[in-house]
Every structure is written in structure tokens, then in C-alpha cells.
PDB file of N, CA and C in Angstrom:
ATOM      1  N   MET A   1     -82.358 220.585  33.262  1.00  0.00           N
ATOM      2  CA  MET A   1     -82.355 222.106  33.517  1.00  0.00           C
ATOM      3  C   MET A   1     -83.356 222.575  32.527  1.00  0.00           C
ATOM      4  N   PRO A   2     -84.702 223.034  32.161  1.00  0.00           N
ATOM      5  CA  PRO A   2     -85.063 223.827  30.765  1.00  0.00           C
ATOM      6  C   PRO A   2     -84.439 224.768  31.208  1.00  0.00           C
ATOM      7  N   VAL A   3     -84.401 225.131  29.821  1.00  0.00           N
ATOM      8  CA  VAL A   3     -83.702 226.817  29.370  1.00  0.00           C
ATOM      9  C   VAL A   3     -84.384 227.229  28.355  1.00  0.00           C
ATOM     10  N   GLY A   4     -85.189 226.367  27.677  1.00  0.00           N
ATOM     11  CA  GLY A   4     -86.072 227.358  26.985  1.00  0.00           C
ATOM     12  C   GLY A   4     -85.065 227.798  25.469  1.00  0.00           C
ATOM     13  N   PHE A   5     -85.689 229.054  25.032  1.00  0.00           N
ATOM     14  CA  PHE A   5     -84.640 229.647  24.343  1.00  0.00           C
ATOM     15  C   PHE A   5     -84.059 231.205  24.391  1.00  0.00           C
ATOM     16  N   GLU A   6     -83.955 231.130  25.483  1.00  0.00           N
ATOM     17  CA  GLU A   6     -83.213 231.797  25.978  1.00  0.00           C
ATOM     18  C   GLU A   6     -81.373 231.483  26.219  1.00  0.00           C
ATOM     19  N   PRO A   7     -80.476 232.641  24.813  1.00  0.00           N
ATOM     20  CA  PRO A   7     -79.047 231.968  24.544  1.00  0.00           C
ATOM     21  C   PRO A   7     -78.605 232.291  25.614  1.00  0.00           C
ATOM     22  N   ALA A   8     -78.694 232.448  26.743  1.00  0.00           N
ATOM     23  CA  ALA A   8     -77.808 232.914  28.105  1.00  0.00           C
ATOM     24  C   ALA A   8     -77.868 232.070  28.733  1.00  0.00           C
ATOM     25  N   LEU A   9     -78.817 231.382  28.911  1.00  0.00           N
ATOM     26  CA  LEU A   9     -78.875 229.559  29.728  1.00  0.00           C
ATOM     27  C   LEU A   9     -78.595 228.619  28.910  1.00  0.00           C
ATOM     28  N   ARG A  10     -79.257 228.751  27.363  1.00  0.00           N
ATOM     29  CA  ARG A  10     -78.769 227.715  25.909  1.00  0.00           C
ATOM     30  C   ARG A  10     -76.940 227.435  26.625  1.00  0.00           C
ATOM     31  N   LYS A  11     -76.010 228.714  26.927  1.00  0.00           N
ATOM     32  CA  LYS A  11     -74.562 228.814  26.953  1.00  0.00           C
ATOM     33  C   LYS A  11     -74.373 227.959  28.074  1.00  0.00           C
ATOM     34  N   ALA A  12     -74.638 228.283  28.992  1.00  0.00           N
ATOM     35  CA  ALA A  12     -74.861 227.733  30.052  1.00  0.00           C
ATOM     36  C   ALA A  12     -74.715 226.865  30.891  1.00  0.00           C
ATOM     37  N   ALA A  13     -76.023 225.896  29.997  1.00  0.00           N
ATOM     38  CA  ALA A  13     -76.145 224.851  30.537  1.00  0.00           C
ATOM     39  C   ALA A  13     -75.159 224.092  29.693  1.00  0.00           C
ATOM     40  N   THR A  14     -74.838 224.476  28.570  1.00  0.00           N
ATOM     41  CA  THR A  14     -73.829 223.228  27.491  1.00  0.00           C
ATOM     42  C   THR A  14     -72.382 223.219  27.952  1.00  0.00           C
ATOM     43  N   ALA A  15     -72.054 224.716  28.830  1.00  0.00           N
ATOM     44  CA  ALA A  15     -70.303 224.976  29.158  1.00  0.00           C
ATOM     45  C   ALA A  15     -69.954 223.258  29.726  1.00  0.00           C
ATOM     46  N   HIS A  16     -70.110 222.537  30.123  1.00  0.00           N
ATOM     47  CA  HIS A  16     -69.416 221.508  30.441  1.00  0.00           C
ATOM     48  C   HIS A  16     -68.999 220.696  29.552  1.00  0.00           C
ATOM     49  N   VAL A  17     -70.408 220.570  28.730  1.00  0.00           N
ATOM     50  CA  VAL A  17     -70.108 219.866  27.341  1.00  0.00           C
ATOM     51  C   VAL A  17     -69.115 220.100  26.617  1.00  0.00           C
ATOM     52  N   ARG A  18     -68.973 221.766  26.549  1.00  0.00           N
ATOM     53  CA  ARG A  18     -68.072 222.706  24.716  1.00  0.00           C
ATOM     54  C   ARG A  18     -67.113 221.916  25.310  1.00  0.00           C
ATOM     55  N   LYS A  19     -66.750 222.790  27.004  1.00  0.00           N
ATOM     56  CA  LYS A  19     -65.538 222.380  27.739  1.00  0.00           C
ATOM     57  C   LYS A  19     -64.613 221.186  27.118  1.00  0.00           C
ATOM     58  N   GLU A  20     -65.113 219.706  27.576  1.00  0.00           N
ATOM     59  CA  GLU A  20     -64.973 218.170  27.657  1.00  0.00           C
ATOM     60  C   GLU A  20     -64.584 218.541  26.056  1.00  0.00           C
ATOM     61  N   ALA A  21     -65.202 218.487  25.155  1.00  0.00           N
ATOM     62  CA  ALA A  21     -65.265 218.229  23.468  1.00  0.00           C
ATOM     63  C   ALA A  21     -63.770 219.477  23.326  1.00  0.00           C
ATOM     64  N   ALA A  22     -63.442 220.522  23.435  1.00  0.00           N
ATOM     65  CA  ALA A  22     -62.216 221.076  23.648  1.00  0.00           C
ATOM     66  C   ALA A  22     -60.944 220.338  23.909  1.00  0.00           C
ATOM     67  N   ALA A  23     -61.252 220.143  25.005  1.00  0.00           N
ATOM     68  CA  ALA A  23     -60.181 219.210  25.505  1.00  0.00           C
ATOM     69  C   ALA A  23     -59.778 218.008  25.113  1.00  0.00           C
ATOM     70  N   ALA A  24     -61.007 217.662  24.141  1.00  0.00           N
ATOM     71  CA  ALA A  24     -60.876 216.305  23.014  1.00  0.00           C
ATOM     72  C   ALA A  24     -60.228 216.931  21.731  1.00  0.00           C
ATOM     73  N   GLY A  25     -59.994 217.799  21.432  1.00  0.00           N
ATOM     74  CA  GLY A  25     -60.024 218.064  20.307  1.00  0.00           C
ATOM     75  C   GLY A  25     -61.147 218.533  19.512  1.00  0.00           C
ATOM     76  N   GLY A  26     -62.156 218.459  19.443  1.00  0.00           N
ATOM     77  CA  GLY A  26     -63.356 218.794  18.912  1.00  0.00           C
ATOM     78  C   GLY A  26     -64.480 219.966  19.519  1.00  0.00           C
ATOM     79  N   GLY A  27     -65.524 220.315  19.099  1.00  0.00           N
ATOM     80  CA  GLY A  27     -66.222 221.042  19.223  1.00  0.00           C
ATOM     81  C   GLY A  27     -67.488 220.781  19.192  1.00  0.00           C
ATOM     82  N   PHE A  28     -68.649 222.384  19.497  1.00  0.00           N
ATOM     83  CA  PHE A  28     -69.729 221.999  18.423  1.00  0.00           C
ATOM     84  C   PHE A  28     -70.247 223.140  18.832  1.00  0.00           C
ATOM     85  N   ASP A  29     -70.983 223.288  17.681  1.00  0.00           N
ATOM     86  CA  ASP A  29     -71.975 224.679  17.740  1.00  0.00           C
ATOM     87  C   ASP A  29     -73.507 224.094  18.241  1.00  0.00           C
ATOM     88  N   LEU A  30     -74.204 225.566  19.058  1.00  0.00           N
ATOM     89  CA  LEU A  30     -75.796 225.448  19.073  1.00  0.00           C
ATOM     90  C   LEU A  30     -76.508 226.153  18.647  1.00  0.00           C
ATOM     91  N   VAL A  31     -77.064 225.145  17.710  1.00  0.00           N
ATOM     92  CA  VAL A  31     -78.508 226.188  16.783  1.00  0.00           C
ATOM     93  C   VAL A  31     -79.978 225.448  17.144  1.00  0.00           C
ATOM     94  N   VAL A  32     -80.384 226.991  17.741  1.00  0.00           N
ATOM     95  CA  VAL A  32     -82.198 226.418  17.960  1.00  0.00           C
ATOM     96  C   VAL A  32     -82.693 226.493  16.601  1.00  0.00           C
ATOM     97  N   VAL A  33     -83.767 225.328  16.526  1.00  0.00           N
ATOM     98  CA  VAL A  33     -84.736 225.607  16.200  1.00  0.00           C
ATOM     99  C   VAL A  33     -85.966 225.758  16.632  1.00  0.00           C
ATOM    100  N   ASP A  34     -86.988 226.440  16.067  1.00  0.00           N
ATOM    101  CA  ASP A  34     -88.397 226.616  16.939  1.00  0.00           C
ATOM    102  C   ASP A  34     -89.582 225.957  16.238  1.00  0.00           C
ATOM    103  N   LEU A  35     -89.548 224.864  16.058  1.00  0.00           N
ATOM    104  CA  LEU A  35     -90.129 223.688  15.589  1.00  0.00           C
ATOM    105  C   LEU A  35     -92.267 224.212  15.647  1.00  0.00           C
ATOM    106  N   ALA A  36     -92.049 224.973  16.185  1.00  0.00           N
ATOM    107  CA  ALA A  36     -93.282 225.767  16.944  1.00  0.00           C
ATOM    108  C   ALA A  36     -93.977 226.832  15.493  1.00  0.00           C
ATOM    109  N   ASN A  37     -92.714 227.472  14.952  1.00  0.00           N
ATOM    110  CA  ASN A  37     -92.672 228.192  14.112  1.00  0.00           C
ATOM    111  C   ASN A  37     -91.882 227.639  12.881  1.00  0.00           C
ATOM    112  N   LEU A  38     -92.280 227.667  11.900  1.00  0.00           N
ATOM    113  CA  LEU A  38     -91.843 226.245  11.042  1.00  0.00           C
ATOM    114  C   LEU A  38     -91.010 227.345   9.792  1.00  0.00           C
ATOM    115  N   ALA A  39     -91.122 228.909  10.201  1.00  0.00           N
ATOM    116  CA  ALA A  39     -90.246 229.572   9.295  1.00  0.00           C
ATOM    117  C   ALA A  39     -88.898 229.620   9.620  1.00  0.00           C
ATOM    118  N   SER A  40     -88.537 229.190  10.920  1.00  0.00           N
ATOM    119  CA  SER A  40     -87.173 228.785  11.828  1.00  0.00           C
ATOM    120  C   SER A  40     -86.517 228.010  10.900  1.00  0.00           C
ATOM    121  N   VAL A  41     -86.528 226.939  10.239  1.00  0.00           N
ATOM    122  CA  VAL A  41     -86.381 225.379   9.167  1.00  0.00           C
ATOM    123  C   VAL A  41     -85.864 226.082   8.771  1.00  0.00           C
ATOM    124  N   PRO A  42     -85.485 226.839   7.510  1.00  0.00           N
ATOM    125  CA  PRO A  42     -85.286 227.490   6.734  1.00  0.00           C
ATOM    126  C   PRO A  42     -84.145 228.296   7.357  1.00  0.00           C
ATOM    127  N   ALA A  43     -84.199 229.049   8.354  1.00  0.00           N
ATOM    128  CA  ALA A  43     -83.586 230.270   8.822  1.00  0.00           C
ATOM    129  C   ALA A  43     -82.407 229.538   9.356  1.00  0.00           C
ATOM    130  N   CYS A  44     -82.601 228.243   9.835  1.00  0.00           N
ATOM    131  CA  CYS A  44     -81.643 227.240  10.506  1.00  0.00           C
ATOM    132  C   CYS A  44     -80.589 226.532   9.287  1.00  0.00           C
ATOM    133  N   ALA A  45     -81.219 226.070   8.547  1.00  0.00           N
ATOM    134  CA  ALA A  45     -80.794 225.681   7.290  1.00  0.00           C
ATOM    135  C   ALA A  45     -80.095 226.730   6.752  1.00  0.00           C
ATOM    136  N   GLU A  46     -80.026 227.855   6.246  1.00  0.00           N
ATOM    137  CA  GLU A  46     -79.523 229.036   6.202  1.00  0.00           C
ATOM    138  C   GLU A  46     -77.811 229.131   7.365  1.00  0.00           C
ATOM    139  N   GLU A  47     -78.179 229.267   8.327  1.00  0.00           N
ATOM    140  CA  GLU A  47     -77.319 229.377   9.214  1.00  0.00           C
ATOM    141  C   GLU A  47     -76.611 228.265   8.949  1.00  0.00           C
ATOM    142  N   LEU A  48     -76.603 227.183   9.137  1.00  0.00           N
ATOM    143  CA  LEU A  48     -75.646 226.186   8.987  1.00  0.00           C
ATOM    144  C   LEU A  48     -74.659 226.240   7.559  1.00  0.00           C
ATOM    145  N   LEU A  49     -75.458 226.647   6.585  1.00  0.00           N
ATOM    146  CA  LEU A  49     -74.995 226.819   5.082  1.00  0.00           C
ATOM    147  C   LEU A  49     -74.096 227.655   5.099  1.00  0.00           C
ATOM    148  N   LYS A  50     -74.263 228.995   5.739  1.00  0.00           N
ATOM    149  CA  LYS A  50     -73.632 230.195   6.076  1.00  0.00           C
ATOM    150  C   LYS A  50     -72.056 229.863   6.579  1.00  0.00           C
ATOM    151  N   LYS A  51     -72.491 228.891   7.766  1.00  0.00           N
ATOM    152  CA  LYS A  51     -70.674 228.590   7.819  1.00  0.00           C
ATOM    153  C   LYS A  51     -70.002 227.847   7.152  1.00  0.00           C
ATOM    154  N   GLY A  52     -70.700 227.287   6.356  1.00  0.00           N
ATOM    155  CA  GLY A  52     -69.646 226.145   5.752  1.00  0.00           C
ATOM    156  C   GLY A  52     -68.697 225.412   5.631  1.00  0.00           C
ATOM    157  N   ASP A  53     -69.228 224.920   7.550  1.00  0.00           N
ATOM    158  CA  ASP A  53     -68.639 224.011   8.069  1.00  0.00           C
ATOM    159  C   ASP A  53     -69.316 222.607   8.054  1.00  0.00           C
ATOM    160  N   SER A  54     -68.410 221.272   7.618  1.00  0.00           N
ATOM    161  CA  SER A  54     -69.910 220.249   7.555  1.00  0.00           C
ATOM    162  C   SER A  54     -69.701 219.827   9.222  1.00  0.00           C
ATOM    163  N   PHE A  55     -70.914 218.876   9.126  1.00  0.00           N
ATOM    164  CA  PHE A  55     -71.037 218.536  10.517  1.00  0.00           C
ATOM    165  C   PHE A  55     -71.822 216.878  10.477  1.00  0.00           C
ATOM    166  N   ASP A  56     -71.181 216.362  11.827  1.00  0.00           N
ATOM    167  CA  ASP A  56     -71.061 214.899  11.493  1.00  0.00           C
ATOM    168  C   ASP A  56     -72.703 214.477  12.409  1.00  0.00           C
ATOM    169  N   VAL A  57     -72.902 215.195  12.899  1.00  0.00           N
ATOM    170  CA  VAL A  57     -74.170 214.969  14.610  1.00  0.00           C
ATOM    171  C   VAL A  57     -75.339 215.699  14.775  1.00  0.00           C
ATOM    172  N   ILE A  58     -76.240 215.466  14.639  1.00  0.00           N
ATOM    173  CA  ILE A  58     -77.443 216.793  14.894  1.00  0.00           C
ATOM    174  C   ILE A  58     -77.875 215.999  15.899  1.00  0.00           C
ATOM    175  N   ILE A  59     -78.485 216.537  17.123  1.00  0.00           N
ATOM    176  CA  ILE A  59     -79.517 216.348  18.153  1.00  0.00           C
ATOM    177  C   ILE A  59     -80.489 217.095  17.992  1.00  0.00           C
ATOM    178  N   ALA A  60     -81.509 215.898  17.498  1.00  0.00           N
ATOM    179  CA  ALA A  60     -82.595 216.809  17.395  1.00  0.00           C
ATOM    180  C   ALA A  60     -83.587 216.721  18.505  1.00  0.00           C
ATOM    181  N   ASN A  61     -83.779 217.521  19.765  1.00  0.00           N
ATOM    182  CA  ASN A  61     -84.808 217.214  20.952  1.00  0.00           C
ATOM    183  C   ASN A  61     -85.725 218.680  21.120  1.00  0.00           C
ATOM    184  N   THR A  62     -86.940 217.653  21.435  1.00  0.00           N
ATOM    185  CA  THR A  62     -87.881 218.676  21.357  1.00  0.00           C
ATOM    186  C   THR A  62     -88.998 217.890  22.088  1.00  0.00           C
ATOM    187  N   GLY A  63     -89.719 218.403  22.529  1.00  0.00           N
ATOM    188  CA  GLY A  63     -90.889 217.729  23.802  1.00  0.00           C
ATOM    189  C   GLY A  63     -92.511 217.894  23.370  1.00  0.00           C
ATOM    190  N   VAL A  64     -93.008 216.993  23.823  1.00  0.00           N
ATOM    191  CA  VAL A  64     -94.454 216.608  23.432  1.00  0.00           C
ATOM    192  C   VAL A  64     -94.765 216.234  25.116  1.00  0.00           C
ATOM    193  N   MET A  65     -95.831 217.259  25.123  1.00  0.00           N
ATOM    194  CA  MET A  65     -96.514 216.998  26.363  1.00  0.00           C
ATOM    195  C   MET A  65     -97.990 216.818  25.719  1.00  0.00           C
ATOM    196  N   VAL A  66     -98.102 215.202  26.479  1.00  0.00           N
ATOM    197  CA  VAL A  66     -99.854 214.991  26.593  1.00  0.00           C
ATOM    198  C   VAL A  66    -100.539 215.227  27.458  1.00  0.00           C
ATOM    199  N   THR A  67    -102.248 215.552  27.715  1.00  0.00           N
ATOM    200  CA  THR A  67    -102.407 216.013  28.591  1.00  0.00           C
ATOM    201  C   THR A  67    -103.788 215.412  28.778  1.00  0.00           C
ATOM    202  N   PRO A  68    -104.351 215.142  29.655  1.00  0.00           N
ATOM    203  CA  PRO A  68    -106.251 214.414  29.659  1.00  0.00           C
ATOM    204  C   PRO A  68    -106.760 214.911  28.919  1.00  0.00           C
ATOM    205  N   LEU A  69    -107.513 215.461  28.444  1.00  0.00           N
ATOM    206  CA  LEU A  69    -108.560 216.116  27.500  1.00  0.00           C
ATOM    207  C   LEU A  69    -109.244 217.197  27.968  1.00  0.00           C
ATOM    208  N   SER A  70    -109.635 216.609  29.230  1.00  0.00           N
ATOM    209  CA  SER A  70    -110.555 217.691  30.070  1.00  0.00           C
ATOM    210  C   SER A  70    -109.519 219.099  30.328  1.00  0.00           C
ATOM    211  N   HIS A  71    -108.011 218.541  30.433  1.00  0.00           N
ATOM    212  CA  HIS A  71    -107.076 220.025  31.077  1.00  0.00           C
ATOM    213  C   HIS A  71    -106.385 220.175  29.499  1.00  0.00           C
ATOM    214  N   THR A  72    -106.811 220.066  28.706  1.00  0.00           N
ATOM    215  CA  THR A  72    -105.817 220.657  27.209  1.00  0.00           C
ATOM    216  C   THR A  72    -106.677 222.444  26.509  1.00  0.00           C
ATOM    217  N   LEU A  73    -105.970 222.390  26.885  1.00  0.00           N
ATOM    218  CA  LEU A  73    -105.761 223.971  26.408  1.00  0.00           C
ATOM    219  C   LEU A  73    -105.766 224.310  24.851  1.00  0.00           C
ATOM    220  N   VAL A  74    -106.208 224.279  23.328  1.00  0.00           N
ATOM    221  CA  VAL A  74    -105.525 224.360  22.053  1.00  0.00           C
ATOM    222  C   VAL A  74    -105.208 225.608  22.263  1.00  0.00           C
ATOM    223  N   ASN A  75    -104.007 225.703  21.336  1.00  0.00           N
ATOM    224  CA  ASN A  75    -103.307 227.104  21.107  1.00  0.00           C
ATOM    225  C   ASN A  75    -102.810 226.867  19.961  1.00  0.00           C
ATOM    226  N   LEU A  76    -103.019 227.733  19.058  1.00  0.00           N
ATOM    227  CA  LEU A  76    -102.047 227.337  17.775  1.00  0.00           C
ATOM    228  C   LEU A  76    -101.038 228.142  17.634  1.00  0.00           C
ATOM    229  N   THR A  77     -99.361 227.583  16.952  1.00  0.00           N
ATOM    230  CA  THR A  77     -98.392 228.473  16.993  1.00  0.00           C
ATOM    231  C   THR A  77     -98.481 229.356  15.511  1.00  0.00           C
ATOM    232  N   ARG A  78     -97.280 229.750  14.908  1.00  0.00           N
ATOM    233  CA  ARG A  78     -97.521 231.012  14.243  1.00  0.00           C
ATOM    234  C   ARG A  78     -97.377 230.295  13.166  1.00  0.00           C
ATOM    235  N   SER A  79     -97.117 228.726  13.002  1.00  0.00           N
ATOM    236  CA  SER A  79     -97.381 228.544  11.711  1.00  0.00           C
ATOM    237  C   SER A  79     -99.032 227.522  11.517  1.00  0.00           C
ATOM    238  N   GLY A  80     -99.894 227.721  12.205  1.00  0.00           N
ATOM    239  CA  GLY A  80    -100.545 227.401  12.767  1.00  0.00           C
ATOM    240  C   GLY A  80    -100.961 225.738  13.387  1.00  0.00           C
ATOM    241  N   LEU A  81     -99.381 225.153  13.888  1.00  0.00           N
ATOM    242  CA  LEU A  81    -100.001 223.849  14.496  1.00  0.00           C
ATOM    243  C   LEU A  81    -100.735 223.885  15.928  1.00  0.00           C
ATOM    244  N   GLU A  82    -101.229 222.940  16.742  1.00  0.00           N
ATOM    245  CA  GLU A  82    -101.800 222.936  17.665  1.00  0.00           C
ATOM    246  C   GLU A  82    -100.766 222.666  18.458  1.00  0.00           C
ATOM    247  N   ALA A  83    -100.512 223.624  19.432  1.00  0.00           N
ATOM    248  CA  ALA A  83     -99.683 223.540  20.643  1.00  0.00           C
ATOM    249  C   ALA A  83    -100.479 223.316  22.214  1.00  0.00           C
ATOM    250  N   HIS A  84    -100.523 222.489  22.664  1.00  0.00           N
ATOM    251  CA  HIS A  84    -101.394 222.257  24.107  1.00  0.00           C
ATOM    252  C   HIS A  84    -100.357 222.625  25.259  1.00  0.00           C
ATOM    253  N   GLY A  85    -101.402 223.309  26.054  1.00  0.00           N
ATOM    254  CA  GLY A  85    -100.551 223.848  27.064  1.00  0.00           C
ATOM    255  C   GLY A  85    -101.472 224.543  28.450  1.00  0.00           C
TER     256      GLY A  85
END
């Protein structure tokens, strides 16, 4: 289920995992970093530092779409990176 950057969809998509983690005495926080906007990287680091908790696992999930050159429209992200779509 693609959820994009919509907070409510992200929360719903992770509800079952959050419930299982809590039942096992654990938990997790979902922190989003928009790699198409490199300014979000230090913002994410700042958010993690503000929480003051240690963390054991980072799941870095991003998508890459490779299309034939004849079908590629090149756009630039806010950070000047190529985005195809």
C-alpha cells in the first residue's frame, strides 16, 4: 500500500506493527525524510536529537523508478536532483 507523505496514511499503514511492538514491550517512531528535498535531512536529525532517546534500528526505504529513455521526463527536485516521472 503506497502511503506517500500523508501522515494519516503512514499511521494507518503501521498500526499493526505498532500494536505488535507494544505487545512485545517495545515500540517505534516513524520519522519521514524526503530525500528529494535534502533540507529535510538535517530537519530529521534535529527531530531525532530533540527526542533524546537512543535508537537501535533505522529502516531506510526509498524508491527508484527506471524507465526507458524514450519515456523519461526529467524534473528537478527542490534540491536540484533529477527526478524521473
